[in-house]
């Protein structure tokens, strides 16, 4: 879940929309932006439909969400190569020699 308290473009006021995060000085919830974008609207459409919201606010919200997603994304695990300590029976190993390679007998 995104911590919106660090985004200057939004605010949460207990008496306004039950404390939902809204664009500063509006009653437009942040969730309205994501709902409209998910439904296929553009940022330009959203700004036309919600005239109290300014373009810098939408950009700040989208940038904040991207940073939040990047921070919460799982980091790739380090992969260790498996190297058996004992040769595996029936498996042939290839030994590199100058000018080609040659199979070791099993």
PDB file of N, CA and C in Angstrom:
ATOM      1  N   UNK A   1       0.846  -1.180   0.000  1.00  0.00           N
ATOM      2  CA  UNK A   1       0.000   0.000   0.000  1.00  0.00           C
ATOM      3  C   UNK A   1       0.891   1.243   0.000  1.00  0.00           C
ATOM      4  N   UNK A   2       0.491   2.235  -0.732  1.00  0.00           N
ATOM      5  CA  UNK A   2       1.275   3.453  -0.892  1.00  0.00           C
ATOM      6  C   UNK A   2       1.114   4.372   0.309  1.00  0.00           C
ATOM      7  N   UNK A   3       2.223   4.950   0.765  1.00  0.00           N
ATOM      8  CA  UNK A   3       2.200   5.935   1.846  1.00  0.00           C
ATOM      9  C   UNK A   3       2.059   7.316   1.219  1.00  0.00           C
ATOM     10  N   UNK A   4       0.826   7.799   1.137  1.00  0.00           N
ATOM     11  CA  UNK A   4       0.559   9.075   0.479  1.00  0.00           C
ATOM     12  C   UNK A   4       0.969  10.271   1.327  1.00  0.00           C
ATOM     13  N   UNK A   5       1.307  10.085   2.584  1.00  0.00           N
ATOM     14  CA  UNK A   5       1.662  11.211   3.456  1.00  0.00           C
ATOM     15  C   UNK A   5       2.930  11.931   2.981  1.00  0.00           C
ATOM     16  N   UNK A   6       3.704  11.296   2.135  1.00  0.00           N
ATOM     17  CA  UNK A   6       4.943  11.908   1.630  1.00  0.00           C
ATOM     18  C   UNK A   6       4.768  12.581   0.273  1.00  0.00           C
ATOM     19  N   UNK A   7       3.539  12.668  -0.196  1.00  0.00           N
ATOM     20  CA  UNK A   7       3.250  13.290  -1.500  1.00  0.00           C
ATOM     21  C   UNK A   7       2.545  14.621  -1.261  1.00  0.00           C
ATOM     22  N   UNK A   8       3.153  15.719  -1.712  1.00  0.00           N
ATOM     23  CA  UNK A   8       2.603  17.057  -1.487  1.00  0.00           C
ATOM     24  C   UNK A   8       1.336  17.349  -2.282  1.00  0.00           C
ATOM     25  N   UNK A   9       1.026  16.557  -3.260  1.00  0.00           N
ATOM     26  CA  UNK A   9      -0.123  16.825  -4.134  1.00  0.00           C
ATOM     27  C   UNK A   9      -1.437  16.317  -3.561  1.00  0.00           C
ATOM     28  N   UNK A  10      -1.377  15.574  -2.466  1.00  0.00           N
ATOM     29  CA  UNK A  10      -2.589  14.997  -1.888  1.00  0.00           C
ATOM     30  C   UNK A  10      -2.671  15.280  -0.396  1.00  0.00           C
ATOM     31  N   UNK A  11      -3.877  15.121   0.143  1.00  0.00           N
ATOM     32  CA  UNK A  11      -4.079  15.313   1.580  1.00  0.00           C
ATOM     33  C   UNK A  11      -5.198  14.398   2.045  1.00  0.00           C
ATOM     34  N   UNK A  12      -5.199  14.137   3.338  1.00  0.00           N
ATOM     35  CA  UNK A  12      -6.260  13.346   3.947  1.00  0.00           C
ATOM     36  C   UNK A  12      -6.829  14.173   5.092  1.00  0.00           C
ATOM     37  N   UNK A  13      -8.088  14.548   4.964  1.00  0.00           N
ATOM     38  CA  UNK A  13      -8.759  15.345   5.982  1.00  0.00           C
ATOM     39  C   UNK A  13      -9.865  14.479   6.572  1.00  0.00           C
ATOM     40  N   UNK A  14      -9.839  14.247   7.900  1.00  0.00           N
ATOM     41  CA  UNK A  14     -10.813  13.328   8.508  1.00  0.00           C
ATOM     42  C   UNK A  14     -12.276  13.627   8.159  1.00  0.00           C
ATOM     43  N   UNK A  15     -12.668  14.883   8.041  1.00  0.00           N
ATOM     44  CA  UNK A  15     -14.055  15.208   7.751  1.00  0.00           C
ATOM     45  C   UNK A  15     -14.405  15.234   6.277  1.00  0.00           C
ATOM     46  N   UNK A  16     -13.447  14.985   5.421  1.00  0.00           N
ATOM     47  CA  UNK A  16     -13.678  15.042   3.975  1.00  0.00           C
ATOM     48  C   UNK A  16     -13.538  13.650   3.374  1.00  0.00           C
ATOM     49  N   UNK A  17     -14.609  13.161   2.794  1.00  0.00           N
ATOM     50  CA  UNK A  17     -14.638  11.824   2.165  1.00  0.00           C
ATOM     51  C   UNK A  17     -14.110  10.732   3.097  1.00  0.00           C
ATOM     52  N   UNK A  18     -14.506  10.804   4.337  1.00  0.00           N
ATOM     53  CA  UNK A  18     -14.123   9.810   5.360  1.00  0.00           C
ATOM     54  C   UNK A  18     -12.618   9.654   5.504  1.00  0.00           C
ATOM     55  N   UNK A  19     -11.887  10.733   5.252  1.00  0.00           N
ATOM     56  CA  UNK A  19     -10.434  10.689   5.421  1.00  0.00           C
ATOM     57  C   UNK A  19      -9.679  10.074   4.258  1.00  0.00           C
ATOM     58  N   UNK A  20     -10.376   9.818   3.150  1.00  0.00           N
ATOM     59  CA  UNK A  20      -9.695   9.248   1.972  1.00  0.00           C
ATOM     60  C   UNK A  20      -8.668  10.252   1.448  1.00  0.00           C
ATOM     61  N   UNK A  21      -7.633   9.749   0.805  1.00  0.00           N
ATOM     62  CA  UNK A  21      -6.628  10.619   0.202  1.00  0.00           C
ATOM     63  C   UNK A  21      -7.231  11.289  -1.026  1.00  0.00           C
ATOM     64  N   UNK A  22      -7.202  12.629  -1.012  1.00  0.00           N
ATOM     65  CA  UNK A  22      -7.764  13.414  -2.113  1.00  0.00           C
ATOM     66  C   UNK A  22      -6.689  14.370  -2.624  1.00  0.00           C
ATOM     67  N   UNK A  23      -6.891  14.858  -3.834  1.00  0.00           N
ATOM     68  CA  UNK A  23      -5.993  15.879  -4.355  1.00  0.00           C
ATOM     69  C   UNK A  23      -6.151  17.134  -3.495  1.00  0.00           C
ATOM     70  N   UNK A  24      -5.050  17.780  -3.168  1.00  0.00           N
ATOM     71  CA  UNK A  24      -5.045  18.940  -2.283  1.00  0.00           C
ATOM     72  C   UNK A  24      -6.067  19.982  -2.727  1.00  0.00           C
ATOM     73  N   UNK A  25      -6.815  20.482  -1.756  1.00  0.00           N
ATOM     74  CA  UNK A  25      -7.843  21.518  -1.935  1.00  0.00           C
ATOM     75  C   UNK A  25      -8.979  21.079  -2.867  1.00  0.00           C
ATOM     76  N   UNK A  26      -9.234  19.772  -2.938  1.00  0.00           N
ATOM     77  CA  UNK A  26     -10.359  19.266  -3.742  1.00  0.00           C
ATOM     78  C   UNK A  26     -11.074  18.183  -2.947  1.00  0.00           C
ATOM     79  N   UNK A  27     -12.127  17.666  -3.522  1.00  0.00           N
ATOM     80  CA  UNK A  27     -12.813  16.499  -2.967  1.00  0.00           C
ATOM     81  C   UNK A  27     -12.649  15.310  -3.922  1.00  0.00           C
ATOM     82  N   UNK A  28     -11.649  15.368  -4.777  1.00  0.00           N
ATOM     83  CA  UNK A  28     -11.411  14.315  -5.772  1.00  0.00           C
ATOM     84  C   UNK A  28     -10.439  13.290  -5.187  1.00  0.00           C
ATOM     85  N   UNK A  29     -10.910  12.062  -4.961  1.00  0.00           N
ATOM     86  CA  UNK A  29     -10.023  11.047  -4.387  1.00  0.00           C
ATOM     87  C   UNK A  29      -8.935  10.607  -5.376  1.00  0.00           C
ATOM     88  N   UNK A  30      -7.788  10.262  -4.826  1.00  0.00           N
ATOM     89  CA  UNK A  30      -6.679   9.752  -5.637  1.00  0.00           C
ATOM     90  C   UNK A  30      -7.118   8.490  -6.379  1.00  0.00           C
ATOM     91  N   UNK A  31      -7.954   7.709  -5.738  1.00  0.00           N
ATOM     92  CA  UNK A  31      -8.423   6.469  -6.370  1.00  0.00           C
ATOM     93  C   UNK A  31      -9.189   6.746  -7.663  1.00  0.00           C
ATOM     94  N   UNK A  32      -9.794   7.941  -7.786  1.00  0.00           N
ATOM     95  CA  UNK A  32     -10.504   8.288  -9.019  1.00  0.00           C
ATOM     96  C   UNK A  32      -9.539   8.362 -10.202  1.00  0.00           C
ATOM     97  N   UNK A  33      -8.330   8.862  -9.945  1.00  0.00           N
ATOM     98  CA  UNK A  33      -7.327   8.923 -11.021  1.00  0.00           C
ATOM     99  C   UNK A  33      -7.000   7.526 -11.516  1.00  0.00           C
ATOM    100  N   UNK A  34      -6.671   6.630 -10.583  1.00  0.00           N
ATOM    101  CA  UNK A  34      -6.266   5.284 -10.989  1.00  0.00           C
ATOM    102  C   UNK A  34      -7.430   4.508 -11.596  1.00  0.00           C
ATOM    103  N   UNK A  35      -8.635   4.714 -11.090  1.00  0.00           N
ATOM    104  CA  UNK A  35      -9.805   4.053 -11.663  1.00  0.00           C
ATOM    105  C   UNK A  35     -10.065   4.488 -13.091  1.00  0.00           C
ATOM    106  N   UNK A  36      -9.953   5.788 -13.332  1.00  0.00           N
ATOM    107  CA  UNK A  36     -10.172   6.302 -14.688  1.00  0.00           C
ATOM    108  C   UNK A  36      -9.071   5.869 -15.644  1.00  0.00           C
ATOM    109  N   UNK A  37      -7.822   5.890 -15.185  1.00  0.00           N
ATOM    110  CA  UNK A  37      -6.723   5.435 -16.040  1.00  0.00           C
ATOM    111  C   UNK A  37      -6.877   3.952 -16.375  1.00  0.00           C
ATOM    112  N   UNK A  38      -7.285   3.173 -15.386  1.00  0.00           N
ATOM    113  CA  UNK A  38      -7.481   1.735 -15.617  1.00  0.00           C
ATOM    114  C   UNK A  38      -8.608   1.480 -16.611  1.00  0.00           C
ATOM    115  N   UNK A  39      -9.579   2.385 -16.644  1.00  0.00           N
ATOM    116  CA  UNK A  39     -10.713   2.233 -17.561  1.00  0.00           C
ATOM    117  C   UNK A  39     -10.403   2.756 -18.965  1.00  0.00           C
ATOM    118  N   UNK A  40      -9.173   3.282 -19.160  1.00  0.00           N
ATOM    119  CA  UNK A  40      -8.773   3.705 -20.495  1.00  0.00           C
ATOM    120  C   UNK A  40      -8.717   5.207 -20.708  1.00  0.00           C
ATOM    121  N   UNK A  41      -9.018   5.990 -19.686  1.00  0.00           N
ATOM    122  CA  UNK A  41      -8.958   7.451 -19.820  1.00  0.00           C
ATOM    123  C   UNK A  41      -7.501   7.901 -19.881  1.00  0.00           C
ATOM    124  N   UNK A  42      -7.286   9.061 -20.447  1.00  0.00           N
ATOM    125  CA  UNK A  42      -5.954   9.663 -20.462  1.00  0.00           C
ATOM    126  C   UNK A  42      -5.873  10.686 -19.339  1.00  0.00           C
ATOM    127  N   UNK A  43      -4.669  11.142 -19.053  1.00  0.00           N
ATOM    128  CA  UNK A  43      -4.494  12.196 -18.050  1.00  0.00           C
ATOM    129  C   UNK A  43      -5.240  13.450 -18.495  1.00  0.00           C
ATOM    130  N   UNK A  44      -5.196  13.735 -19.784  1.00  0.00           N
ATOM    131  CA  UNK A  44      -5.904  14.897 -20.322  1.00  0.00           C
ATOM    132  C   UNK A  44      -7.412  14.779 -20.067  1.00  0.00           C
ATOM    133  N   UNK A  45      -7.972  13.578 -20.296  1.00  0.00           N
ATOM    134  CA  UNK A  45      -9.387  13.341 -20.004  1.00  0.00           C
ATOM    135  C   UNK A  45      -9.680  13.604 -18.528  1.00  0.00           C
ATOM    136  N   UNK A  46      -8.872  13.055 -17.667  1.00  0.00           N
ATOM    137  CA  UNK A  46      -9.072  13.195 -16.223  1.00  0.00           C
ATOM    138  C   UNK A  46      -9.068  14.662 -15.816  1.00  0.00           C
ATOM    139  N   UNK A  47      -8.121  15.413 -16.333  1.00  0.00           N
ATOM    140  CA  UNK A  47      -8.039  16.832 -15.993  1.00  0.00           C
ATOM    141  C   UNK A  47      -9.262  17.602 -16.495  1.00  0.00           C
ATOM    142  N   UNK A  48      -9.822  17.203 -17.621  1.00  0.00           N
ATOM    143  CA  UNK A  48     -11.043  17.842 -18.131  1.00  0.00           C
ATOM    144  C   UNK A  48     -12.250  17.484 -17.257  1.00  0.00           C
ATOM    145  N   UNK A  49     -12.325  16.244 -16.820  1.00  0.00           N
ATOM    146  CA  UNK A  49     -13.467  15.785 -16.043  1.00  0.00           C
ATOM    147  C   UNK A  49     -13.441  16.289 -14.601  1.00  0.00           C
ATOM    148  N   UNK A  50     -12.227  16.570 -14.077  1.00  0.00           N
ATOM    149  CA  UNK A  50     -12.063  17.031 -12.703  1.00  0.00           C
ATOM    150  C   UNK A  50     -11.278  18.341 -12.718  1.00  0.00           C
ATOM    151  N   UNK A  51     -11.953  19.470 -13.028  1.00  0.00           N
ATOM    152  CA  UNK A  51     -11.252  20.743 -13.227  1.00  0.00           C
ATOM    153  C   UNK A  51     -10.517  21.282 -11.998  1.00  0.00           C
ATOM    154  N   UNK A  52     -10.834  20.826 -10.805  1.00  0.00           N
ATOM    155  CA  UNK A  52     -10.121  21.294  -9.610  1.00  0.00           C
ATOM    156  C   UNK A  52      -8.728  20.704  -9.465  1.00  0.00           C
ATOM    157  N   UNK A  53      -8.469  19.622 -10.178  1.00  0.00           N
ATOM    158  CA  UNK A  53      -7.167  18.946 -10.102  1.00  0.00           C
ATOM    159  C   UNK A  53      -6.244  19.561 -11.146  1.00  0.00           C
ATOM    160  N   UNK A  54      -5.020  19.852 -10.726  1.00  0.00           N
ATOM    161  CA  UNK A  54      -4.040  20.449 -11.639  1.00  0.00           C
ATOM    162  C   UNK A  54      -3.098  19.386 -12.177  1.00  0.00           C
ATOM    163  N   UNK A  55      -2.524  19.672 -13.333  1.00  0.00           N
ATOM    164  CA  UNK A  55      -1.646  18.700 -13.993  1.00  0.00           C
ATOM    165  C   UNK A  55      -0.449  18.319 -13.118  1.00  0.00           C
ATOM    166  N   UNK A  56       0.145  19.286 -12.413  1.00  0.00           N
ATOM    167  CA  UNK A  56       1.314  18.984 -11.570  1.00  0.00           C
ATOM    168  C   UNK A  56       0.936  17.991 -10.474  1.00  0.00           C
ATOM    169  N   UNK A  57      -0.325  18.046 -10.006  1.00  0.00           N
ATOM    170  CA  UNK A  57      -0.762  17.114  -8.966  1.00  0.00           C
ATOM    171  C   UNK A  57      -0.832  15.687  -9.508  1.00  0.00           C
ATOM    172  N   UNK A  58      -1.379  15.549 -10.705  1.00  0.00           N
ATOM    173  CA  UNK A  58      -1.474  14.225 -11.321  1.00  0.00           C
ATOM    174  C   UNK A  58      -0.079  13.653 -11.552  1.00  0.00           C
ATOM    175  N   UNK A  59       0.820  14.478 -12.077  1.00  0.00           N
ATOM    176  CA  UNK A  59       2.194  14.015 -12.305  1.00  0.00           C
ATOM    177  C   UNK A  59       2.862  13.611 -11.004  1.00  0.00           C
ATOM    178  N   UNK A  60       2.662  14.415  -9.945  1.00  0.00           N
ATOM    179  CA  UNK A  60       3.273  14.101  -8.645  1.00  0.00           C
ATOM    180  C   UNK A  60       2.730  12.788  -8.092  1.00  0.00           C
ATOM    181  N   UNK A  61       1.434  12.559  -8.241  1.00  0.00           N
ATOM    182  CA  UNK A  61       0.826  11.319  -7.748  1.00  0.00           C
ATOM    183  C   UNK A  61       1.358  10.115  -8.522  1.00  0.00           C
ATOM    184  N   UNK A  62       1.438  10.231  -9.836  1.00  0.00           N
ATOM    185  CA  UNK A  62       1.944   9.114 -10.644  1.00  0.00           C
ATOM    186  C   UNK A  62       3.411   8.831 -10.347  1.00  0.00           C
ATOM    187  N   UNK A  63       4.221   9.870 -10.198  1.00  0.00           N
ATOM    188  CA  UNK A  63       5.635   9.680  -9.862  1.00  0.00           C
ATOM    189  C   UNK A  63       5.792   9.051  -8.483  1.00  0.00           C
ATOM    190  N   UNK A  64       4.972   9.498  -7.538  1.00  0.00           N
ATOM    191  CA  UNK A  64       5.036   8.935  -6.181  1.00  0.00           C
ATOM    192  C   UNK A  64       4.667   7.450  -6.200  1.00  0.00           C
ATOM    193  N   UNK A  65       3.660   7.107  -6.981  1.00  0.00           N
ATOM    194  CA  UNK A  65       3.246   5.703  -7.071  1.00  0.00           C
ATOM    195  C   UNK A  65       4.344   4.846  -7.696  1.00  0.00           C
ATOM    196  N   UNK A  66       5.001   5.357  -8.725  1.00  0.00           N
ATOM    197  CA  UNK A  66       6.097   4.615  -9.358  1.00  0.00           C
ATOM    198  C   UNK A  66       7.220   4.375  -8.353  1.00  0.00           C
ATOM    199  N   UNK A  67       7.586   5.414  -7.601  1.00  0.00           N
ATOM    200  CA  UNK A  67       8.641   5.256  -6.585  1.00  0.00           C
ATOM    201  C   UNK A  67       8.235   4.238  -5.532  1.00  0.00           C
ATOM    202  N   UNK A  68       6.967   4.270  -5.126  1.00  0.00           N
ATOM    203  CA  UNK A  68       6.483   3.328  -4.115  1.00  0.00           C
ATOM    204  C   UNK A  68       6.531   1.895  -4.633  1.00  0.00           C
ATOM    205  N   UNK A  69       6.152   1.712  -5.892  1.00  0.00           N
ATOM    206  CA  UNK A  69       6.192   0.373  -6.482  1.00  0.00           C
ATOM    207  C   UNK A  69       7.623  -0.117  -6.622  1.00  0.00           C
ATOM    208  N   UNK A  70       8.533   0.775  -7.036  1.00  0.00           N
ATOM    209  CA  UNK A  70       9.940   0.394  -7.155  1.00  0.00           C
ATOM    210  C   UNK A  70      10.516  -0.016  -5.808  1.00  0.00           C
ATOM    211  N   UNK A  71      10.141   0.713  -4.762  1.00  0.00           N
ATOM    212  CA  UNK A  71      10.672   0.431  -3.434  1.00  0.00           C
ATOM    213  C   UNK A  71      10.139  -0.882  -2.876  1.00  0.00           C
ATOM    214  N   UNK A  72       8.905  -1.245  -3.252  1.00  0.00           N
ATOM    215  CA  UNK A  72       8.299  -2.457  -2.705  1.00  0.00           C
ATOM    216  C   UNK A  72       8.511  -3.686  -3.586  1.00  0.00           C
ATOM    217  N   UNK A  73       9.098  -3.510  -4.759  1.00  0.00           N
ATOM    218  CA  UNK A  73       9.326  -4.645  -5.664  1.00  0.00           C
ATOM    219  C   UNK A  73      10.351  -5.597  -5.056  1.00  0.00           C
ATOM    220  N   UNK A  74      10.111  -6.886  -5.169  1.00  0.00           N
ATOM    221  CA  UNK A  74      11.075  -7.837  -4.617  1.00  0.00           C
ATOM    222  C   UNK A  74      12.410  -7.751  -5.359  1.00  0.00           C
ATOM    223  N   UNK A  75      13.453  -7.826  -4.606  1.00  0.00           N
ATOM    224  CA  UNK A  75      14.791  -7.797  -5.191  1.00  0.00           C
ATOM    225  C   UNK A  75      15.126  -9.197  -5.702  1.00  0.00           C
ATOM    226  N   UNK A  76      15.805  -9.292  -6.842  1.00  0.00           N
ATOM    227  CA  UNK A  76      16.147 -10.623  -7.359  1.00  0.00           C
ATOM    228  C   UNK A  76      17.104 -11.342  -6.417  1.00  0.00           C
ATOM    229  N   UNK A  77      16.837 -12.592  -6.213  1.00  0.00           N
ATOM    230  CA  UNK A  77      17.688 -13.394  -5.332  1.00  0.00           C
ATOM    231  C   UNK A  77      19.011 -13.703  -6.035  1.00  0.00           C
ATOM    232  N   UNK A  78      20.046 -13.776  -5.258  1.00  0.00           N
ATOM    233  CA  UNK A  78      21.338 -14.170  -5.823  1.00  0.00           C
ATOM    234  C   UNK A  78      21.277 -15.654  -6.142  1.00  0.00           C
ATOM    235  N   UNK A  79      21.681 -15.997  -7.328  1.00  0.00           N
ATOM    236  CA  UNK A  79      21.648 -17.395  -7.734  1.00  0.00           C
ATOM    237  C   UNK A  79      23.022 -17.999  -7.547  1.00  0.00           C
ATOM    238  N   UNK A  80      23.050 -19.154  -6.940  1.00  0.00           N
ATOM    239  CA  UNK A  80      24.301 -19.875  -6.781  1.00  0.00           C
ATOM    240  C   UNK A  80      24.317 -21.015  -7.785  1.00  0.00           C
ATOM    241  N   UNK A  81      25.438 -21.157  -8.410  1.00  0.00           N
ATOM    242  CA  UNK A  81      25.569 -22.265  -9.347  1.00  0.00           C
ATOM    243  C   UNK A  81      25.812 -23.540  -8.570  1.00  0.00           C
ATOM    244  N   UNK A  82      25.127 -24.590  -8.989  1.00  0.00           N
ATOM    245  CA  UNK A  82      25.306 -25.884  -8.346  1.00  0.00           C
ATOM    246  C   UNK A  82      26.532 -26.566  -8.925  1.00  0.00           C
ATOM    247  N   UNK A  83      27.445 -26.882  -8.045  1.00  0.00           N
ATOM    248  CA  UNK A  83      28.648 -27.615  -8.464  1.00  0.00           C
ATOM    249  C   UNK A  83      28.811 -28.802  -7.526  1.00  0.00           C
ATOM    250  N   UNK A  84      28.521 -29.978  -8.018  1.00  0.00           N
ATOM    251  CA  UNK A  84      28.654 -31.140  -7.133  1.00  0.00           C
ATOM    252  C   UNK A  84      30.108 -31.370  -6.748  1.00  0.00           C
ATOM    253  N   UNK A  85      30.297 -31.750  -5.497  1.00  0.00           N
ATOM    254  CA  UNK A  85      31.662 -31.998  -5.031  1.00  0.00           C
ATOM    255  C   UNK A  85      32.200 -33.314  -5.589  1.00  0.00           C
ATOM    256  N   UNK A  86      31.317 -34.250  -5.867  1.00  0.00           N
ATOM    257  CA  UNK A  86      31.713 -35.535  -6.438  1.00  0.00           C
ATOM    258  C   UNK A  86      31.161 -35.626  -7.858  1.00  0.00           C
ATOM    259  N   UNK A  87      31.897 -36.228  -8.765  1.00  0.00           N
ATOM    260  CA  UNK A  87      31.372 -36.389 -10.122  1.00  0.00           C
ATOM    261  C   UNK A  87      30.086 -37.211 -10.105  1.00  0.00           C
ATOM    262  N   UNK A  88      29.159 -36.824 -10.932  1.00  0.00           N
ATOM    263  CA  UNK A  88      27.903 -37.547 -11.031  1.00  0.00           C
ATOM    264  C   UNK A  88      28.118 -38.784 -11.895  1.00  0.00           C
ATOM    265  N   UNK A  89      27.733 -39.977 -11.379  1.00  0.00           N
ATOM    266  CA  UNK A  89      27.941 -41.209 -12.151  1.00  0.00           C
ATOM    267  C   UNK A  89      27.213 -41.161 -13.494  1.00  0.00           C
ATOM    268  N   UNK A  90      27.890 -41.603 -14.542  1.00  0.00           N
ATOM    269  CA  UNK A  90      27.298 -41.677 -15.866  1.00  0.00           C
ATOM    270  C   UNK A  90      27.280 -40.361 -16.638  1.00  0.00           C
ATOM    271  N   UNK A  91      27.764 -39.293 -16.045  1.00  0.00           N
ATOM    272  CA  UNK A  91      27.775 -38.006 -16.728  1.00  0.00           C
ATOM    273  C   UNK A  91      29.186 -37.740 -17.222  1.00  0.00           C
ATOM    274  N   UNK A  92      29.306 -37.377 -18.472  1.00  0.00           N
ATOM    275  CA  UNK A  92      30.617 -37.103 -19.042  1.00  0.00           C
ATOM    276  C   UNK A  92      30.938 -35.630 -18.908  1.00  0.00           C
ATOM    277  N   UNK A  93      32.121 -35.328 -18.512  1.00  0.00           N
ATOM    278  CA  UNK A  93      32.573 -33.945 -18.427  1.00  0.00           C
ATOM    279  C   UNK A  93      33.412 -33.632 -19.650  1.00  0.00           C
ATOM    280  N   UNK A  94      33.353 -32.377 -20.076  1.00  0.00           N
ATOM    281  CA  UNK A  94      34.143 -31.927 -21.217  1.00  0.00           C
ATOM    282  C   UNK A  94      35.335 -31.143 -20.677  1.00  0.00           C
ATOM    283  N   UNK A  95      36.519 -31.499 -21.155  1.00  0.00           N
ATOM    284  CA  UNK A  95      37.726 -30.804 -20.732  1.00  0.00           C
ATOM    285  C   UNK A  95      38.202 -29.957 -21.901  1.00  0.00           C
ATOM    286  N   UNK A  96      38.435 -28.679 -21.643  1.00  0.00           N
ATOM    287  CA  UNK A  96      38.903 -27.773 -22.692  1.00  0.00           C
ATOM    288  C   UNK A  96      40.412 -27.933 -22.875  1.00  0.00           C
ATOM    289  N   UNK A  97      40.809 -28.059 -24.133  1.00  0.00           N
ATOM    290  CA  UNK A  97      42.237 -28.070 -24.445  1.00  0.00           C
ATOM    291  C   UNK A  97      42.449 -27.099 -25.601  1.00  0.00           C
ATOM    292  N   UNK A  98      43.634 -26.563 -25.739  1.00  0.00           N
ATOM    293  CA  UNK A  98      43.867 -25.645 -26.853  1.00  0.00           C
ATOM    294  C   UNK A  98      43.536 -26.301 -28.186  1.00  0.00           C
ATOM    295  N   UNK A  99      42.750 -25.598 -28.999  1.00  0.00           N
ATOM    296  CA  UNK A  99      42.409 -26.108 -30.312  1.00  0.00           C
ATOM    297  C   UNK A  99      41.184 -26.996 -30.341  1.00  0.00           C
ATOM    298  N   UNK A 100      40.479 -27.133 -29.235  1.00  0.00           N
ATOM    299  CA  UNK A 100      39.261 -27.958 -29.245  1.00  0.00           C
ATOM    300  C   UNK A 100      38.932 -28.459 -27.883  1.00  0.00           C
ATOM    301  N   UNK A 101      38.149 -29.525 -27.813  1.00  0.00           N
ATOM    302  CA  UNK A 101      37.806 -30.117 -26.524  1.00  0.00           C
ATOM    303  C   UNK A 101      37.822 -31.638 -26.678  1.00  0.00           C
ATOM    304  N   UNK A 102      37.903 -32.301 -25.574  1.00  0.00           N
ATOM    305  CA  UNK A 102      38.003 -33.757 -25.580  1.00  0.00           C
ATOM    306  C   UNK A 102      37.197 -34.283 -24.391  1.00  0.00           C
ATOM    307  N   UNK A 103      36.491 -35.386 -24.579  1.00  0.00           N
ATOM    308  CA  UNK A 103      35.681 -35.932 -23.490  1.00  0.00           C
ATOM    309  C   UNK A 103      36.541 -36.758 -22.557  1.00  0.00           C
ATOM    310  N   UNK A 104      36.274 -36.585 -21.256  1.00  0.00           N
ATOM    311  CA  UNK A 104      36.931 -37.438 -20.259  1.00  0.00           C
ATOM    312  C   UNK A 104      36.206 -38.770 -20.210  1.00  0.00           C
ATOM    313  N   UNK A 105      36.926 -39.858 -20.119  1.00  0.00           N
ATOM    314  CA  UNK A 105      36.247 -41.153 -19.982  1.00  0.00           C
ATOM    315  C   UNK A 105      35.559 -41.249 -18.621  1.00  0.00           C
ATOM    316  N   UNK A 106      34.481 -41.985 -18.590  1.00  0.00           N
ATOM    317  CA  UNK A 106      33.717 -42.132 -17.349  1.00  0.00           C
ATOM    318  C   UNK A 106      34.336 -43.205 -16.498  1.00  0.00           C
TER     319      UNK A 106
END
